[in-house]
Amino acid sequence: MMDPRDGFWQEIFNGELDYPTVRSYIMRKGIVQGLAYRFKVKAAYFNGYSPESADASIYSCTVPS
């Protein structure tokens, strides 16, 4: 995720290390209403990692609860 407040990309979930069967993840902390957050993903499999996806912007219209 790229946080618009600092412009840096950070890993928010690593299924390879945490839970390899998880297929979705919900961000609830640190999200600021009205800002656009950018996300990209890559998959880990037995041959290594896939290329990163193109990034997608998602706007937080209300603070998740």
PDB file of N, CA and C in Angstrom:
ATOM      1  N   MET A   1       0.840  -1.161   0.000  1.00  0.00           N
ATOM      2  CA  MET A   1       0.000   0.000   0.000  1.00  0.00           C
ATOM      3  C   MET A   1       0.887   1.226   0.000  1.00  0.00           C
ATOM      4  N   MET A   2       0.509   2.223  -0.779  1.00  0.00           N
ATOM      5  CA  MET A   2       1.223   3.496  -0.746  1.00  0.00           C
ATOM      6  C   MET A   2       0.389   4.471   0.056  1.00  0.00           C
ATOM      7  N   ASP A   3       0.927   4.904   1.171  1.00  0.00           N
ATOM      8  CA  ASP A   3       0.236   5.846   2.043  1.00  0.00           C
ATOM      9  C   ASP A   3       0.406   7.245   1.466  1.00  0.00           C
ATOM     10  N   PRO A   4      -0.690   7.942   1.155  1.00  0.00           N
ATOM     11  CA  PRO A   4      -0.574   9.266   0.546  1.00  0.00           C
ATOM     12  C   PRO A   4       0.038  10.320   1.463  1.00  0.00           C
ATOM     13  N   ARG A   5       0.117  10.027   2.751  1.00  0.00           N
ATOM     14  CA  ARG A   5       0.698  11.001   3.679  1.00  0.00           C
ATOM     15  C   ARG A   5       2.213  11.038   3.590  1.00  0.00           C
ATOM     16  N   ASP A   6       2.857   9.917   3.227  1.00  0.00           N
ATOM     17  CA  ASP A   6       4.322   9.932   3.151  1.00  0.00           C
ATOM     18  C   ASP A   6       4.862   9.505   1.790  1.00  0.00           C
ATOM     19  N   GLY A   7       4.018   8.912   0.934  1.00  0.00           N
ATOM     20  CA  GLY A   7       4.442   8.535  -0.412  1.00  0.00           C
ATOM     21  C   GLY A   7       5.262   7.260  -0.506  1.00  0.00           C
ATOM     22  N   PHE A   8       5.354   6.502   0.580  1.00  0.00           N
ATOM     23  CA  PHE A   8       6.146   5.281   0.571  1.00  0.00           C
ATOM     24  C   PHE A   8       5.252   4.046   0.463  1.00  0.00           C
ATOM     25  N   TRP A   9       5.746   3.046  -0.261  1.00  0.00           N
ATOM     26  CA  TRP A   9       5.058   1.758  -0.351  1.00  0.00           C
ATOM     27  C   TRP A   9       5.422   0.937   0.872  1.00  0.00           C
ATOM     28  N   GLN A  10       4.452   0.226   1.427  1.00  0.00           N
ATOM     29  CA  GLN A  10       4.710  -0.658   2.559  1.00  0.00           C
ATOM     30  C   GLN A  10       3.913  -1.943   2.397  1.00  0.00           C
ATOM     31  N   GLU A  11       4.495  -3.031   2.843  1.00  0.00           N
ATOM     32  CA  GLU A  11       3.790  -4.310   2.821  1.00  0.00           C
ATOM     33  C   GLU A  11       2.775  -4.315   3.949  1.00  0.00           C
ATOM     34  N   ILE A  12       1.528  -4.653   3.615  1.00  0.00           N
ATOM     35  CA  ILE A  12       0.503  -4.679   4.655  1.00  0.00           C
ATOM     36  C   ILE A  12       0.076  -6.087   5.015  1.00  0.00           C
ATOM     37  N   PHE A  13       0.372  -7.051   4.158  1.00  0.00           N
ATOM     38  CA  PHE A  13       0.034  -8.433   4.469  1.00  0.00           C
ATOM     39  C   PHE A  13       0.935  -9.351   3.669  1.00  0.00           C
ATOM     40  N   ASN A  14       1.484 -10.368   4.328  1.00  0.00           N
ATOM     41  CA  ASN A  14       2.311 -11.358   3.660  1.00  0.00           C
ATOM     42  C   ASN A  14       1.699 -12.726   3.945  1.00  0.00           C
ATOM     43  N   GLY A  15       0.916 -13.227   3.014  1.00  0.00           N
ATOM     44  CA  GLY A  15       0.250 -14.508   3.204  1.00  0.00           C
ATOM     45  C   GLY A  15       1.203 -15.680   3.256  1.00  0.00           C
ATOM     46  N   GLU A  16       2.360 -15.537   2.633  1.00  0.00           N
ATOM     47  CA  GLU A  16       3.355 -16.611   2.658  1.00  0.00           C
ATOM     48  C   GLU A  16       3.838 -16.858   4.086  1.00  0.00           C
ATOM     49  N   LEU A  17       3.996 -15.778   4.837  1.00  0.00           N
ATOM     50  CA  LEU A  17       4.479 -15.897   6.212  1.00  0.00           C
ATOM     51  C   LEU A  17       3.349 -16.027   7.220  1.00  0.00           C
ATOM     52  N   ASP A  18       2.239 -15.369   6.953  1.00  0.00           N
ATOM     53  CA  ASP A  18       1.160 -15.298   7.935  1.00  0.00           C
ATOM     54  C   ASP A  18       0.144 -16.426   7.766  1.00  0.00           C
ATOM     55  N   TYR A  19      -0.685 -16.327   6.773  1.00  0.00           N
ATOM     56  CA  TYR A  19      -1.756 -17.301   6.554  1.00  0.00           C
ATOM     57  C   TYR A  19      -1.905 -17.534   5.054  1.00  0.00           C
ATOM     58  N   PRO A  20      -1.276 -18.554   4.508  1.00  0.00           N
ATOM     59  CA  PRO A  20      -1.305 -18.743   3.055  1.00  0.00           C
ATOM     60  C   PRO A  20      -2.678 -19.042   2.469  1.00  0.00           C
ATOM     61  N   THR A  21      -3.670 -19.343   3.302  1.00  0.00           N
ATOM     62  CA  THR A  21      -5.002 -19.625   2.762  1.00  0.00           C
ATOM     63  C   THR A  21      -5.903 -18.388   2.741  1.00  0.00           C
ATOM     64  N   VAL A  22      -5.445 -17.255   3.281  1.00  0.00           N
ATOM     65  CA  VAL A  22      -6.242 -16.024   3.284  1.00  0.00           C
ATOM     66  C   VAL A  22      -6.243 -15.435   1.885  1.00  0.00           C
ATOM     67  N   ARG A  23      -7.440 -15.077   1.386  1.00  0.00           N
ATOM     68  CA  ARG A  23      -7.546 -14.517   0.036  1.00  0.00           C
ATOM     69  C   ARG A  23      -8.042 -13.075   0.035  1.00  0.00           C
ATOM     70  N   SER A  24      -8.304 -12.531   1.208  1.00  0.00           N
ATOM     71  CA  SER A  24      -8.698 -11.125   1.305  1.00  0.00           C
ATOM     72  C   SER A  24      -8.173 -10.555   2.620  1.00  0.00           C
ATOM     73  N   TYR A  25      -8.084  -9.249   2.669  1.00  0.00           N
ATOM     74  CA  TYR A  25      -7.541  -8.582   3.847  1.00  0.00           C
ATOM     75  C   TYR A  25      -8.221  -7.227   3.971  1.00  0.00           C
ATOM     76  N   ILE A  26      -8.633  -6.833   5.165  1.00  0.00           N
ATOM     77  CA  ILE A  26      -9.326  -5.567   5.380  1.00  0.00           C
ATOM     78  C   ILE A  26      -8.438  -4.637   6.203  1.00  0.00           C
ATOM     79  N   MET A  27      -8.229  -3.434   5.675  1.00  0.00           N
ATOM     80  CA  MET A  27      -7.480  -2.402   6.405  1.00  0.00           C
ATOM     81  C   MET A  27      -8.453  -1.628   7.275  1.00  0.00           C
ATOM     82  N   ARG A  28      -8.184  -1.549   8.581  1.00  0.00           N
ATOM     83  CA  ARG A  28      -9.071  -0.808   9.474  1.00  0.00           C
ATOM     84  C   ARG A  28      -8.341   0.276  10.261  1.00  0.00           C
ATOM     85  N   LYS A  29      -7.042   0.203  10.353  1.00  0.00           N
ATOM     86  CA  LYS A  29      -6.293   1.159  11.168  1.00  0.00           C
ATOM     87  C   LYS A  29      -5.475   2.094  10.279  1.00  0.00           C
ATOM     88  N   GLY A  30      -5.406   3.350  10.672  1.00  0.00           N
ATOM     89  CA  GLY A  30      -4.561   4.305   9.990  1.00  0.00           C
ATOM     90  C   GLY A  30      -5.112   4.867   8.692  1.00  0.00           C
ATOM     91  N   ILE A  31      -6.359   4.556   8.355  1.00  0.00           N
ATOM     92  CA  ILE A  31      -6.962   5.060   7.127  1.00  0.00           C
ATOM     93  C   ILE A  31      -7.580   6.423   7.409  1.00  0.00           C
ATOM     94  N   VAL A  32      -7.279   7.412   6.554  1.00  0.00           N
ATOM     95  CA  VAL A  32      -7.789   8.762   6.721  1.00  0.00           C
ATOM     96  C   VAL A  32      -8.871   9.023   5.679  1.00  0.00           C
ATOM     97  N   GLN A  33     -10.007   9.477   6.132  1.00  0.00           N
ATOM     98  CA  GLN A  33     -11.137   9.754   5.254  1.00  0.00           C
ATOM     99  C   GLN A  33     -10.762  10.787   4.197  1.00  0.00           C
ATOM    100  N   GLY A  34     -11.146  10.506   2.948  1.00  0.00           N
ATOM    101  CA  GLY A  34     -10.937  11.443   1.845  1.00  0.00           C
ATOM    102  C   GLY A  34      -9.615  11.299   1.108  1.00  0.00           C
ATOM    103  N   LEU A  35      -8.718  10.444   1.563  1.00  0.00           N
ATOM    104  CA  LEU A  35      -7.433  10.266   0.881  1.00  0.00           C
ATOM    105  C   LEU A  35      -7.492   9.068  -0.053  1.00  0.00           C
ATOM    106  N   ALA A  36      -6.685   9.117  -1.106  1.00  0.00           N
ATOM    107  CA  ALA A  36      -6.590   8.000  -2.051  1.00  0.00           C
ATOM    108  C   ALA A  36      -5.393   7.136  -1.671  1.00  0.00           C
ATOM    109  N   TYR A  37      -5.642   5.867  -1.481  1.00  0.00           N
ATOM    110  CA  TYR A  37      -4.590   4.900  -1.163  1.00  0.00           C
ATOM    111  C   TYR A  37      -4.350   4.044  -2.396  1.00  0.00           C
ATOM    112  N   ARG A  38      -3.094   3.734  -2.672  1.00  0.00           N
ATOM    113  CA  ARG A  38      -2.758   2.914  -3.838  1.00  0.00           C
ATOM    114  C   ARG A  38      -2.302   1.545  -3.370  1.00  0.00           C
ATOM    115  N   PHE A  39      -2.765   0.528  -4.076  1.00  0.00           N
ATOM    116  CA  PHE A  39      -2.455  -0.850  -3.740  1.00  0.00           C
ATOM    117  C   PHE A  39      -1.936  -1.582  -4.967  1.00  0.00           C
ATOM    118  N   LYS A  40      -1.069  -2.551  -4.742  1.00  0.00           N
ATOM    119  CA  LYS A  40      -0.668  -3.507  -5.772  1.00  0.00           C
ATOM    120  C   LYS A  40      -0.401  -4.834  -5.083  1.00  0.00           C
ATOM    121  N   VAL A  41      -0.479  -5.898  -5.843  1.00  0.00           N
ATOM    122  CA  VAL A  41      -0.309  -7.232  -5.264  1.00  0.00           C
ATOM    123  C   VAL A  41       0.687  -8.045  -6.080  1.00  0.00           C
ATOM    124  N   LYS A  42       1.228  -9.064  -5.436  1.00  0.00           N
ATOM    125  CA  LYS A  42       2.003 -10.084  -6.136  1.00  0.00           C
ATOM    126  C   LYS A  42       1.777 -11.402  -5.429  1.00  0.00           C
ATOM    127  N   ALA A  43       1.882 -12.478  -6.169  1.00  0.00           N
ATOM    128  CA  ALA A  43       1.614 -13.808  -5.622  1.00  0.00           C
ATOM    129  C   ALA A  43       2.911 -14.569  -5.415  1.00  0.00           C
ATOM    130  N   ALA A  44       2.937 -15.372  -4.372  1.00  0.00           N
ATOM    131  CA  ALA A  44       4.058 -16.274  -4.114  1.00  0.00           C
ATOM    132  C   ALA A  44       3.599 -17.686  -4.455  1.00  0.00           C
ATOM    133  N   TYR A  45       4.416 -18.408  -5.186  1.00  0.00           N
ATOM    134  CA  TYR A  45       4.104 -19.796  -5.516  1.00  0.00           C
ATOM    135  C   TYR A  45       5.399 -20.574  -5.562  1.00  0.00           C
ATOM    136  N   PHE A  46       5.369 -21.853  -5.874  1.00  0.00           N
ATOM    137  CA  PHE A  46       6.542 -22.710  -5.717  1.00  0.00           C
ATOM    138  C   PHE A  46       7.740 -22.299  -6.577  1.00  0.00           C
ATOM    139  N   ASN A  47       7.522 -21.547  -7.654  1.00  0.00           N
ATOM    140  CA  ASN A  47       8.631 -21.071  -8.497  1.00  0.00           C
ATOM    141  C   ASN A  47       9.129 -19.685  -8.108  1.00  0.00           C
ATOM    142  N   GLY A  48       8.547 -19.092  -7.095  1.00  0.00           N
ATOM    143  CA  GLY A  48       8.947 -17.747  -6.683  1.00  0.00           C
ATOM    144  C   GLY A  48       7.760 -16.800  -6.660  1.00  0.00           C
ATOM    145  N   TYR A  49       8.005 -15.564  -7.020  1.00  0.00           N
ATOM    146  CA  TYR A  49       6.971 -14.532  -6.983  1.00  0.00           C
ATOM    147  C   TYR A  49       6.524 -14.154  -8.386  1.00  0.00           C
ATOM    148  N   SER A  50       5.273 -13.763  -8.495  1.00  0.00           N
ATOM    149  CA  SER A  50       4.765 -13.219  -9.751  1.00  0.00           C
ATOM    150  C   SER A  50       5.239 -11.776  -9.867  1.00  0.00           C
ATOM    151  N   PRO A  51       5.136 -11.197 -11.065  1.00  0.00           N
ATOM    152  CA  PRO A  51       5.382  -9.754 -11.169  1.00  0.00           C
ATOM    153  C   PRO A  51       4.312  -9.000 -10.376  1.00  0.00           C
ATOM    154  N   GLU A  52       4.637  -7.796  -9.930  1.00  0.00           N
ATOM    155  CA  GLU A  52       3.644  -6.989  -9.232  1.00  0.00           C
ATOM    156  C   GLU A  52       2.548  -6.561 -10.198  1.00  0.00           C
ATOM    157  N   SER A  53       1.335  -6.450  -9.686  1.00  0.00           N
ATOM    158  CA  SER A  53       0.230  -5.959 -10.500  1.00  0.00           C
ATOM    159  C   SER A  53       0.396  -4.456 -10.729  1.00  0.00           C
ATOM    160  N   ALA A  54      -0.380  -3.929 -11.654  1.00  0.00           N
ATOM    161  CA  ALA A  54      -0.471  -2.478 -11.777  1.00  0.00           C
ATOM    162  C   ALA A  54      -1.131  -1.969 -10.495  1.00  0.00           C
ATOM    163  N   ASP A  55      -0.813  -0.744 -10.102  1.00  0.00           N
ATOM    164  CA  ASP A  55      -1.432  -0.250  -8.875  1.00  0.00           C
ATOM    165  C   ASP A  55      -2.843   0.268  -9.155  1.00  0.00           C
ATOM    166  N   ALA A  56      -3.668   0.213  -8.134  1.00  0.00           N
ATOM    167  CA  ALA A  56      -5.052   0.689  -8.191  1.00  0.00           C
ATOM    168  C   ALA A  56      -5.273   1.652  -7.040  1.00  0.00           C
ATOM    169  N   SER A  57      -5.948   2.746  -7.308  1.00  0.00           N
ATOM    170  CA  SER A  57      -6.257   3.725  -6.267  1.00  0.00           C
ATOM    171  C   SER A  57      -7.629   3.452  -5.682  1.00  0.00           C
ATOM    172  N   ILE A  58      -7.703   3.554  -4.372  1.00  0.00           N
ATOM    173  CA  ILE A  58      -8.961   3.366  -3.664  1.00  0.00           C
ATOM    174  C   ILE A  58      -9.114   4.539  -2.696  1.00  0.00           C
ATOM    175  N   TYR A  59     -10.263   5.192  -2.746  1.00  0.00           N
ATOM    176  CA  TYR A  59     -10.536   6.314  -1.877  1.00  0.00           C
ATOM    177  C   TYR A  59     -11.293   5.867  -0.635  1.00  0.00           C
ATOM    178  N   SER A  60     -10.910   6.400   0.489  1.00  0.00           N
ATOM    179  CA  SER A  60     -11.619   6.121   1.729  1.00  0.00           C
ATOM    180  C   SER A  60     -12.650   7.228   1.927  1.00  0.00           C
ATOM    181  N   CYS A  61     -13.902   6.891   1.659  1.00  0.00           N
ATOM    182  CA  CYS A  61     -14.976   7.884   1.784  1.00  0.00           C
ATOM    183  C   CYS A  61     -15.467   8.032   3.217  1.00  0.00           C
ATOM    184  N   THR A  62     -15.450   6.946   3.963  1.00  0.00           N
ATOM    185  CA  THR A  62     -15.773   6.988   5.384  1.00  0.00           C
ATOM    186  C   THR A  62     -14.751   6.123   6.105  1.00  0.00           C
ATOM    187  N   VAL A  63     -14.508   6.416   7.341  1.00  0.00           N
ATOM    188  CA  VAL A  63     -13.554   5.647   8.123  1.00  0.00           C
ATOM    189  C   VAL A  63     -14.167   4.269   8.385  1.00  0.00           C
ATOM    190  N   PRO A  64     -13.463   3.179   8.007  1.00  0.00           N
ATOM    191  CA  PRO A  64     -14.004   1.839   8.267  1.00  0.00           C
ATOM    192  C   PRO A  64     -14.201   1.588   9.753  1.00  0.00           C
ATOM    193  N   SER A  65     -15.223   0.833  10.082  1.00  0.00           N
ATOM    194  CA  SER A  65     -15.461   0.527  11.503  1.00  0.00           C
ATOM    195  C   SER A  65     -15.362  -0.966  11.742  1.00  0.00           C
TER     196      SER A  65
END
